[in-house]
Amino acid sequence: MASFQFKERLNRAEQWILANPNPPQHWPWTWLYKAGRTAYAVARDVISGQLTLHAMSLVYTTLLSIVPLLALSFSVLKAMGVHQRIEPFLYQFFQPLGPQGAEVADQILTFVDNMKVGVLGSVGLALLVYTVIALVQKIERSFNMIWRVPEMRSLAQRFSNYLSVIMIGPLLMVSAIGISATIFSSAFVQRLIEIEPFGSAVLVASRLMPFFLVVGAFTFVYVFIPNTRVKLRYALIGGVIAGVSWQAGGMIFASFVAGSTRYAAVYSSFAIGIILLIWTYINWMILLLGSSIAFYLQNPGNVSRGREVDPSPELQEQVALVLMWNVCKPFAEGRPAPQQETLERDMRVPGEITRRISDKLIRQGLLSLAGSSGDHLVPGRALELIRVGDVLDVVRADEERVVSRLPRVLPPELVPRVTADQTRTFAELLVSNQASAAGEPLTEKA
């Protein structure tokens, strides 16, 4: 009886979180309600296993790609002679592993120093770049899964965007470190330190600078990696939560490593490898959880829905027609092009459905992306050349590449007649097929 009542309370609490007809209207209850819904949705995703599965996959890819990634990133820094400034961040990452963490960092840096990018040759350099691109591509796939984005970037975009970030990102971080060091060592700041409470504030800011850099890196990843538009404020909230979680997780994991002497006795020299796997997995989980938080904050309507969405063909056709109507109408009236995210919110249809359909319409040239950020939709051709049948054909040709591989059972000579007259019965089709096989001319009725 007690367990039944407990389950009933849980069900009522879940319904209140997901489908509360009278949500709070005043701050701070509105903020608490939104935070509770987001926390529930993130916990639901963790329990379903999708986030953990992608985190484990990224751990394996990271072990294969960490040395090529650092070698490619350090190549620009080495050329400028400032690669020593980025090395403390690598040691900070492995710091929770204890004394052996510094040994792992030293070993990785030794591998990076021994890898001479300039003498690899064309084939070796191509394999190096491919390994790095494969890592970032798998990261993008994980983030697209969180943001319900069905399409990844094109191959050209991957190489241009990924390589630019990998090569320029560490340089920007070094520049930020240098600028902050210059500011803190300036004469004005030194005089300000002598005045309280400004001195304590500057000291706290200098100690928190690594944390701010981590939050900035997380925020940049949340904005850049997903193949969709992520609002900066939600990415920043996810970055702050992930940064705090990363710092707290590092301290907790360090205490765990300090008390894990019995694991070293059991696993011997393999203990550091197992601990490294666990720490890498925790870092990827924190990164994916921050992205999931940003997604649910930006798309609160997805909290009440599960991850798996299987729309009916009728719903897909209706969404496609409504989407085209909402894009063509402002275009014909001379109004600004609507934003894709606004259309998805106004249609009150799961974002993964509308995004999947809009991607099909874009690929077939019925819609085009516009705007400075590429997040507005405009007709892809003149309105006189867009028929309702064209829109329905694009939606109905679901997975056309799979359909094209199916065996053609219907005789080719009957296909034009079937598509022209959809009122024909299969009895009439079979009679027509028999007449065609016997060599008799097909009548107009047939």
Protein backbone atom coordinates (compact mmCIF):
# COMPACT_ATOMS: atom_id res chain seq x y z
CA MET A 1 0.00 0.00 0.00
CA ALA A 2 2.80 2.40 0.89
CA SER A 3 4.68 1.63 -2.34
CA PHE A 4 1.50 2.19 -4.37
CA GLN A 5 0.95 5.59 -2.77
CA PHE A 6 4.59 6.49 -3.42
CA LYS A 7 4.19 5.62 -7.11
CA GLU A 8 1.01 7.66 -7.30
CA ARG A 9 2.81 10.66 -5.86
CA LEU A 10 5.62 10.21 -8.36
CA ASN A 11 3.13 10.06 -11.23
CA ARG A 12 1.36 13.19 -10.02
CA ALA A 13 4.69 14.98 -9.65
CA GLU A 14 5.67 13.93 -13.18
CA GLN A 15 2.37 15.17 -14.60
CA TRP A 16 2.79 18.44 -12.73
CA ILE A 17 6.25 18.88 -14.23
CA LEU A 18 5.36 17.89 -17.79
CA ALA A 19 1.76 19.01 -18.25
CA ASN A 20 0.89 21.50 -15.56
CA PRO A 21 -2.20 23.41 -16.79
CA ASN A 22 -1.42 26.33 -14.46
CA PRO A 23 2.35 26.84 -14.38
CA PRO A 24 3.78 29.50 -12.06
CA GLN A 25 3.58 33.03 -13.43
CA HIS A 26 5.83 34.98 -11.07
CA TRP A 27 9.56 35.00 -10.42
CA PRO A 28 11.32 33.11 -8.84
CA TRP A 29 8.74 30.33 -9.18
CA THR A 30 8.80 30.52 -12.96
CA TRP A 31 12.57 30.10 -12.93
CA LEU A 32 12.38 27.21 -10.47
CA TYR A 33 9.66 25.53 -12.52
CA LYS A 34 11.70 25.83 -15.72
CA ALA A 35 14.83 24.60 -13.96
CA GLY A 36 12.92 21.61 -12.55
CA ARG A 37 11.54 20.68 -15.97
CA THR A 38 15.02 20.93 -17.49
CA ALA A 39 16.55 18.80 -14.72
CA TYR A 40 13.84 16.19 -15.20
CA ALA A 41 14.39 16.04 -18.97
CA VAL A 42 18.18 15.73 -18.58
CA ALA A 43 17.76 12.96 -15.99
CA ARG A 44 15.35 11.18 -18.34
CA ASP A 45 17.93 11.30 -21.14
CA VAL A 46 20.64 9.91 -18.86
CA ILE A 47 18.41 7.07 -17.70
CA SER A 48 17.43 6.22 -21.28
CA GLY A 49 21.13 5.58 -22.02
CA GLN A 50 21.58 7.81 -25.07
CA LEU A 51 23.96 10.26 -23.43
CA THR A 52 25.99 7.54 -21.71
CA LEU A 53 26.30 5.61 -24.97
CA HIS A 54 27.65 8.63 -26.85
CA ALA A 55 29.99 9.48 -23.96
CA MET A 56 31.47 5.97 -24.02
CA SER A 57 31.90 6.17 -27.79
CA LEU A 58 33.71 9.49 -27.46
CA VAL A 59 36.06 8.02 -24.83
CA TYR A 60 37.24 5.40 -27.32
CA THR A 61 37.67 7.98 -30.09
CA THR A 62 39.52 10.32 -27.76
CA LEU A 63 42.13 7.70 -26.92
CA LEU A 64 42.82 7.24 -30.62
CA SER A 65 42.84 10.92 -31.53
CA ILE A 66 44.30 12.79 -28.55
CA VAL A 67 47.90 12.78 -29.82
CA PRO A 68 47.08 13.78 -33.45
CA LEU A 69 44.70 16.46 -32.17
CA LEU A 70 47.31 18.01 -29.89
CA ALA A 71 50.00 17.69 -32.54
CA LEU A 72 47.86 19.56 -35.06
CA SER A 73 46.82 22.18 -32.52
CA PHE A 74 50.36 22.68 -31.19
CA SER A 75 51.84 23.02 -34.68
CA VAL A 76 50.73 26.66 -34.97
CA LEU A 77 51.75 27.42 -31.39
CA LYS A 78 55.16 25.83 -31.90
CA ALA A 79 55.69 27.94 -35.00
CA MET A 80 55.08 31.04 -32.87
CA GLY A 81 57.03 29.70 -29.88
CA VAL A 82 54.12 30.00 -27.41
CA HIS A 83 53.10 26.35 -27.03
CA GLN A 84 54.41 26.30 -23.44
CA ARG A 85 51.52 28.51 -22.36
CA ILE A 86 48.91 25.93 -23.30
CA GLU A 87 50.66 23.03 -21.56
CA PRO A 88 49.42 23.96 -18.04
CA PHE A 89 45.85 23.32 -19.20
CA LEU A 90 46.82 19.79 -20.18
CA TYR A 91 48.36 19.22 -16.76
CA GLN A 92 45.25 20.71 -15.15
CA PHE A 93 43.09 18.22 -17.03
CA PHE A 94 45.06 15.27 -15.68
CA GLN A 95 45.51 16.75 -12.20
CA PRO A 96 42.61 14.74 -10.67
CA LEU A 97 44.51 11.55 -11.55
CA GLY A 98 47.08 12.33 -8.86
CA PRO A 99 50.85 12.02 -9.30
CA GLN A 100 50.41 9.59 -12.16
CA GLY A 101 48.34 12.18 -14.01
CA ALA A 102 51.44 14.35 -14.46
CA GLU A 103 53.26 11.32 -15.86
CA VAL A 104 50.44 10.74 -18.37
CA ALA A 105 50.58 14.42 -19.43
CA ASP A 106 54.38 14.22 -19.81
CA GLN A 107 54.04 11.10 -21.92
CA ILE A 108 51.44 12.70 -24.19
CA LEU A 109 53.56 15.83 -24.62
CA THR A 110 56.54 13.60 -25.47
CA PHE A 111 54.48 11.90 -28.18
CA VAL A 112 53.39 15.28 -29.51
CA ASP A 113 56.98 16.58 -29.58
CA ASN A 114 58.16 13.45 -31.39
CA MET A 115 55.42 13.81 -34.00
CA LYS A 116 56.83 16.20 -36.59
CA VAL A 117 53.92 17.39 -38.70
CA GLY A 118 56.23 18.86 -41.33
CA VAL A 119 57.99 15.58 -42.07
CA LEU A 120 54.99 13.27 -42.14
CA GLY A 121 54.57 13.42 -45.89
CA SER A 122 51.34 13.89 -47.81
CA VAL A 123 49.86 10.50 -46.85
CA GLY A 124 50.80 10.81 -43.19
CA LEU A 125 49.50 14.36 -43.00
CA ALA A 126 46.24 13.29 -44.65
CA LEU A 127 45.80 10.47 -42.12
CA LEU A 128 46.59 12.87 -39.29
CA VAL A 129 43.96 15.36 -40.47
CA TYR A 130 41.42 12.58 -41.05
CA THR A 131 41.88 11.27 -37.51
CA VAL A 132 41.27 14.71 -36.06
CA ILE A 133 38.27 15.37 -38.33
CA ALA A 134 36.79 12.00 -37.37
CA LEU A 135 36.97 12.94 -33.69
CA VAL A 136 35.24 16.29 -34.18
CA GLN A 137 32.71 14.68 -36.51
CA LYS A 138 31.75 12.18 -33.83
CA ILE A 139 31.45 15.04 -31.33
CA GLU A 140 29.14 16.85 -33.75
CA ARG A 141 27.04 13.71 -34.18
CA SER A 142 26.60 13.47 -30.42
CA PHE A 143 25.63 17.14 -30.16
CA ASN A 144 23.24 16.83 -33.11
CA MET A 145 21.60 13.91 -31.33
CA ILE A 146 21.01 16.14 -28.31
CA TRP A 147 19.69 19.01 -30.45
CA ARG A 148 17.54 16.70 -32.63
CA VAL A 149 19.35 17.79 -35.79
CA PRO A 150 18.99 15.14 -38.52
CA GLU A 151 21.65 16.49 -40.89
CA MET A 152 25.37 16.97 -40.32
CA ARG A 153 27.59 19.55 -41.97
CA SER A 154 28.78 18.92 -45.49
CA LEU A 155 32.26 17.51 -46.06
CA ALA A 156 33.62 20.89 -47.18
CA GLN A 157 32.17 22.60 -44.10
CA ARG A 158 33.70 19.99 -41.81
CA PHE A 159 37.19 20.53 -43.13
CA SER A 160 36.97 24.32 -43.23
CA ASN A 161 35.19 24.84 -39.89
CA TYR A 162 36.87 22.08 -37.92
CA LEU A 163 40.41 22.77 -39.04
CA SER A 164 40.04 26.51 -38.52
CA VAL A 165 38.90 25.96 -34.93
CA ILE A 166 41.54 23.31 -34.23
CA MET A 167 44.32 25.50 -35.58
CA ILE A 168 43.13 28.93 -34.43
CA GLY A 169 41.35 27.97 -31.19
CA PRO A 170 44.51 27.29 -29.13
CA LEU A 171 46.04 30.49 -30.49
CA LEU A 172 43.03 32.49 -29.29
CA MET A 173 43.29 30.82 -25.88
CA VAL A 174 46.96 31.73 -25.64
CA SER A 175 46.08 35.28 -26.63
CA ALA A 176 43.44 35.42 -23.90
CA ILE A 177 45.96 34.17 -21.36
CA GLY A 178 48.49 36.77 -22.49
CA ILE A 179 45.96 39.60 -22.38
CA SER A 180 44.78 38.64 -18.89
CA ALA A 181 48.38 38.39 -17.67
CA THR A 182 49.11 41.83 -19.15
CA ILE A 183 46.08 43.33 -17.46
CA PHE A 184 46.87 41.86 -14.05
CA SER A 185 50.51 43.01 -14.28
CA SER A 186 49.70 46.54 -15.39
CA ALA A 187 50.60 49.46 -13.14
CA PHE A 188 46.98 50.50 -12.74
CA VAL A 189 45.92 47.07 -11.48
CA GLN A 190 48.95 46.90 -9.20
CA ARG A 191 47.94 50.20 -7.60
CA LEU A 192 44.36 48.98 -7.40
CA ILE A 193 45.50 45.86 -5.49
CA GLU A 194 46.82 48.08 -2.72
CA ILE A 195 43.31 49.43 -2.11
CA GLU A 196 40.81 47.25 -0.33
CA PRO A 197 38.40 45.73 -1.17
CA PHE A 198 39.64 46.01 -4.76
CA GLY A 199 42.78 44.04 -3.91
CA SER A 200 40.79 41.04 -2.72
CA ALA A 201 38.51 41.27 -5.76
CA VAL A 202 41.47 41.29 -8.17
CA LEU A 203 43.05 38.35 -6.32
CA VAL A 204 39.81 36.35 -6.56
CA ALA A 205 39.45 37.24 -10.26
CA SER A 206 43.00 36.09 -10.99
CA ARG A 207 42.38 32.78 -9.25
CA LEU A 208 39.09 32.31 -11.11
CA MET A 209 40.62 33.10 -14.51
CA PRO A 210 41.22 29.40 -15.39
CA PHE A 211 37.58 28.69 -14.51
CA PHE A 212 36.42 31.54 -16.75
CA LEU A 213 38.50 30.16 -19.61
CA VAL A 214 36.96 26.72 -19.14
CA VAL A 215 33.45 28.20 -19.13
CA GLY A 216 34.30 30.18 -22.25
CA ALA A 217 35.58 27.03 -23.97
CA PHE A 218 32.43 25.08 -23.05
CA THR A 219 30.20 27.92 -24.24
CA PHE A 220 32.06 28.12 -27.55
CA VAL A 221 31.68 24.36 -28.07
CA TYR A 222 27.94 24.52 -27.35
CA VAL A 223 27.48 27.31 -29.89
CA PHE A 224 29.79 26.03 -32.61
CA ILE A 225 29.51 22.24 -32.69
CA PRO A 226 25.75 21.59 -33.17
CA ASN A 227 24.61 22.01 -36.77
CA THR A 228 21.89 24.42 -35.70
CA ARG A 229 21.53 27.89 -34.21
CA VAL A 230 22.20 27.94 -30.46
CA LYS A 231 21.42 31.12 -28.56
CA LEU A 232 24.41 32.49 -26.68
CA ARG A 233 22.61 32.99 -23.35
CA TYR A 234 21.52 29.36 -23.16
CA ALA A 235 24.95 28.13 -24.26
CA LEU A 236 26.47 30.34 -21.54
CA ILE A 237 24.15 28.87 -18.89
CA GLY A 238 25.11 25.36 -20.01
CA GLY A 239 28.79 26.38 -20.02
CA VAL A 240 28.63 27.74 -16.47
CA ILE A 241 26.86 24.63 -15.17
CA ALA A 242 29.31 22.36 -17.00
CA GLY A 243 32.27 24.40 -15.73
CA VAL A 244 31.12 24.19 -12.13
CA SER A 245 30.41 20.47 -12.56
CA TRP A 246 33.86 19.96 -14.07
CA GLN A 247 35.59 21.67 -11.17
CA ALA A 248 33.50 19.80 -8.59
CA GLY A 249 33.94 16.53 -10.45
CA GLY A 250 37.71 17.03 -10.50
CA MET A 251 37.87 17.50 -6.74
CA ILE A 252 35.62 14.49 -6.07
CA PHE A 253 37.53 12.31 -8.51
CA ALA A 254 40.87 13.39 -6.99
CA SER A 255 39.68 12.25 -3.57
CA PHE A 256 38.54 8.98 -5.12
CA VAL A 257 41.96 8.41 -6.71
CA ALA A 258 43.70 9.25 -3.43
CA GLY A 259 41.74 6.50 -1.68
CA SER A 260 42.01 3.91 -4.44
CA THR A 261 45.26 2.26 -3.43
CA ARG A 262 43.55 -1.12 -3.38
CA TYR A 263 42.73 -0.75 -7.08
CA ALA A 264 46.41 -0.25 -7.80
CA ALA A 265 47.14 -3.41 -5.85
CA VAL A 266 44.61 -5.37 -7.93
CA TYR A 267 45.24 -3.90 -11.39
CA SER A 268 48.93 -3.07 -10.92
CA SER A 269 50.20 -0.88 -13.79
CA PHE A 270 46.81 -1.06 -15.55
CA ALA A 271 45.20 0.98 -12.76
CA ILE A 272 46.20 4.33 -14.27
CA GLY A 273 44.70 3.29 -17.61
CA ILE A 274 41.39 2.36 -16.03
CA ILE A 275 41.32 5.56 -14.00
CA LEU A 276 42.11 7.56 -17.15
CA LEU A 277 39.18 5.93 -18.96
CA ILE A 278 36.82 6.77 -16.10
CA TRP A 279 38.00 10.38 -15.90
CA THR A 280 37.68 10.86 -19.67
CA TYR A 281 34.17 9.40 -19.55
CA ILE A 282 33.18 11.77 -16.74
CA ASN A 283 34.45 14.75 -18.75
CA TRP A 284 32.47 13.78 -21.83
CA MET A 285 29.35 13.21 -19.74
CA ILE A 286 29.71 16.68 -18.22
CA LEU A 287 30.16 18.22 -21.67
CA LEU A 288 27.09 16.43 -23.10
CA LEU A 289 24.97 17.24 -20.04
CA GLY A 290 25.76 20.94 -20.44
CA SER A 291 24.67 20.79 -24.07
CA SER A 292 21.48 18.97 -23.08
CA ILE A 293 20.71 21.68 -20.52
CA ALA A 294 21.19 24.38 -23.16
CA PHE A 295 18.88 22.48 -25.54
CA TYR A 296 16.00 22.16 -23.09
CA LEU A 297 16.34 25.77 -21.98
CA GLN A 298 16.13 26.93 -25.58
CA ASN A 299 13.40 24.41 -26.51
CA PRO A 300 11.18 24.00 -23.42
CA GLY A 301 8.47 22.31 -25.48
CA ASN A 302 10.68 19.23 -25.90
CA VAL A 303 10.68 18.57 -22.15
CA SER A 304 7.24 16.95 -22.25
CA ARG A 305 8.14 14.67 -25.15
CA GLY A 306 10.38 11.65 -25.25
CA ARG A 307 13.33 11.35 -27.58
CA GLU A 308 11.77 8.93 -30.06
CA VAL A 309 9.30 10.68 -32.39
CA ASP A 310 7.68 8.71 -35.22
CA PRO A 311 5.37 11.04 -37.15
CA SER A 312 2.64 9.63 -39.36
CA PRO A 313 2.78 10.31 -43.12
CA GLU A 314 -0.35 12.48 -42.81
CA LEU A 315 1.32 14.65 -40.16
CA GLN A 316 4.43 15.04 -42.30
CA GLU A 317 2.37 16.20 -45.26
CA GLN A 318 0.46 18.70 -43.13
CA VAL A 319 3.64 20.05 -41.58
CA ALA A 320 5.23 20.46 -45.02
CA LEU A 321 2.22 22.36 -46.40
CA VAL A 322 1.92 24.61 -43.34
CA LEU A 323 5.66 25.25 -43.39
CA MET A 324 5.61 26.23 -47.07
CA TRP A 325 2.56 28.43 -46.53
CA ASN A 326 4.20 30.28 -43.60
CA VAL A 327 7.31 30.86 -45.73
CA CYS A 328 5.62 31.83 -49.01
CA LYS A 329 3.01 34.18 -47.51
CA PRO A 330 5.43 36.75 -45.98
CA PHE A 331 7.59 36.49 -49.11
CA ALA A 332 4.61 37.38 -51.33
CA GLU A 333 3.60 40.24 -49.01
CA GLY A 334 7.12 41.67 -48.91
CA ARG A 335 7.60 41.03 -45.21
CA PRO A 336 10.89 39.78 -43.67
CA ALA A 337 11.69 36.10 -43.99
CA PRO A 338 10.60 34.10 -40.93
CA GLN A 339 13.14 32.48 -38.69
CA GLN A 340 13.16 28.70 -38.75
CA GLU A 341 13.11 28.41 -34.97
CA THR A 342 10.12 30.78 -34.76
CA LEU A 343 8.20 28.70 -37.28
CA GLU A 344 8.91 25.53 -35.33
CA ARG A 345 7.71 27.12 -32.11
CA ASP A 346 4.54 28.56 -33.66
CA MET A 347 3.59 25.26 -35.31
CA ARG A 348 3.83 23.45 -31.96
CA VAL A 349 5.31 20.38 -33.60
CA PRO A 350 8.47 18.65 -32.31
CA GLY A 351 11.51 20.38 -33.69
CA GLU A 352 13.01 17.17 -35.07
CA ILE A 353 9.95 16.71 -37.32
CA THR A 354 9.92 20.22 -38.74
CA ARG A 355 13.70 20.23 -39.15
CA ARG A 356 13.63 16.89 -40.96
CA ILE A 357 10.94 18.13 -43.37
CA SER A 358 12.55 21.52 -43.94
CA ASP A 359 15.85 19.81 -44.73
CA LYS A 360 14.08 17.72 -47.39
CA LEU A 361 12.49 20.82 -48.91
CA ILE A 362 15.85 22.61 -48.89
CA ARG A 363 17.61 19.71 -50.59
CA GLN A 364 14.99 19.67 -53.35
CA GLY A 365 15.24 23.41 -53.91
CA LEU A 366 11.76 24.34 -52.65
CA LEU A 367 13.19 26.26 -49.68
CA SER A 368 16.44 28.14 -49.14
CA LEU A 369 18.25 29.46 -46.12
CA ALA A 370 18.73 33.19 -45.83
CA GLY A 371 19.78 35.82 -43.32
CA SER A 372 23.15 36.72 -41.86
CA SER A 373 23.10 33.62 -39.66
CA GLY A 374 21.49 31.34 -42.24
CA ASP A 375 18.52 30.63 -39.96
CA HIS A 376 15.72 32.27 -42.01
CA LEU A 377 13.66 30.46 -44.66
CA VAL A 378 12.68 31.81 -48.09
CA PRO A 379 11.18 30.10 -51.16
CA GLY A 380 13.81 28.34 -53.23
CA ARG A 381 12.16 29.24 -56.55
CA ALA A 382 9.45 31.53 -57.92
CA LEU A 383 6.09 31.00 -56.24
CA GLU A 384 4.54 30.28 -59.65
CA LEU A 385 6.85 27.28 -59.96
CA ILE A 386 6.04 25.73 -56.56
CA ARG A 387 3.04 23.40 -56.74
CA VAL A 388 1.32 21.69 -53.85
CA GLY A 389 2.07 18.40 -55.55
CA ASP A 390 5.79 19.22 -55.54
CA VAL A 391 5.74 19.69 -51.77
CA LEU A 392 3.81 16.45 -51.22
CA ASP A 393 6.11 14.54 -53.57
CA VAL A 394 9.17 15.65 -51.60
CA VAL A 395 7.62 14.53 -48.31
CA ARG A 396 6.31 11.26 -49.71
CA ALA A 397 9.68 10.38 -51.22
CA ASP A 398 10.88 9.42 -47.74
CA GLU A 399 14.29 7.77 -47.81
CA GLU A 400 14.28 7.85 -51.60
CA ARG A 401 17.71 6.24 -51.68
CA VAL A 402 16.29 3.16 -49.95
CA VAL A 403 13.22 3.10 -52.18
CA SER A 404 15.36 3.23 -55.31
CA ARG A 405 16.99 -0.04 -54.31
CA LEU A 406 13.67 -1.86 -53.93
CA PRO A 407 12.75 -4.29 -56.75
CA ARG A 408 10.32 -2.83 -59.32
CA VAL A 409 7.26 -5.11 -59.11
CA LEU A 410 4.80 -2.88 -60.93
CA PRO A 411 5.40 -3.04 -64.71
CA PRO A 412 7.11 0.14 -65.96
CA GLU A 413 4.46 0.76 -68.64
CA LEU A 414 1.77 0.99 -65.95
CA VAL A 415 3.56 3.52 -63.75
CA PRO A 416 2.53 6.65 -65.73
CA ARG A 417 -1.10 5.46 -65.87
CA VAL A 418 -1.21 4.75 -62.13
CA THR A 419 0.22 8.13 -61.19
CA ALA A 420 -2.11 9.90 -63.63
CA ASP A 421 -5.28 8.17 -62.41
CA GLN A 422 -5.10 7.30 -58.73
CA THR A 423 -8.75 6.09 -58.69
CA ARG A 424 -7.93 2.86 -60.48
CA THR A 425 -8.34 -0.39 -58.57
CA PHE A 426 -5.80 -3.16 -58.42
CA ALA A 427 -8.24 -5.41 -60.27
CA GLU A 428 -8.07 -3.04 -63.22
CA LEU A 429 -4.30 -2.89 -62.92
CA LEU A 430 -4.01 -6.66 -62.99
CA VAL A 431 -6.27 -6.85 -66.07
CA SER A 432 -4.11 -4.22 -67.74
CA ASN A 433 -0.97 -6.12 -66.84
CA GLN A 434 -2.35 -9.38 -68.27
CA ALA A 435 -3.38 -7.65 -71.46
CA SER A 436 0.08 -6.13 -71.79
CA ALA A 437 1.77 -9.49 -71.19
CA ALA A 438 -0.46 -11.16 -73.85
CA GLY A 439 0.56 -8.59 -76.39
CA GLU A 440 -2.87 -6.94 -76.58
CA PRO A 441 -2.98 -3.17 -76.93
CA LEU A 442 -3.82 -1.33 -73.74
CA THR A 443 -7.16 0.41 -74.02
CA GLU A 444 -7.77 3.81 -72.59
CA LYS A 445 -9.80 2.19 -69.82
CA ALA A 446 -6.97 -0.18 -69.03
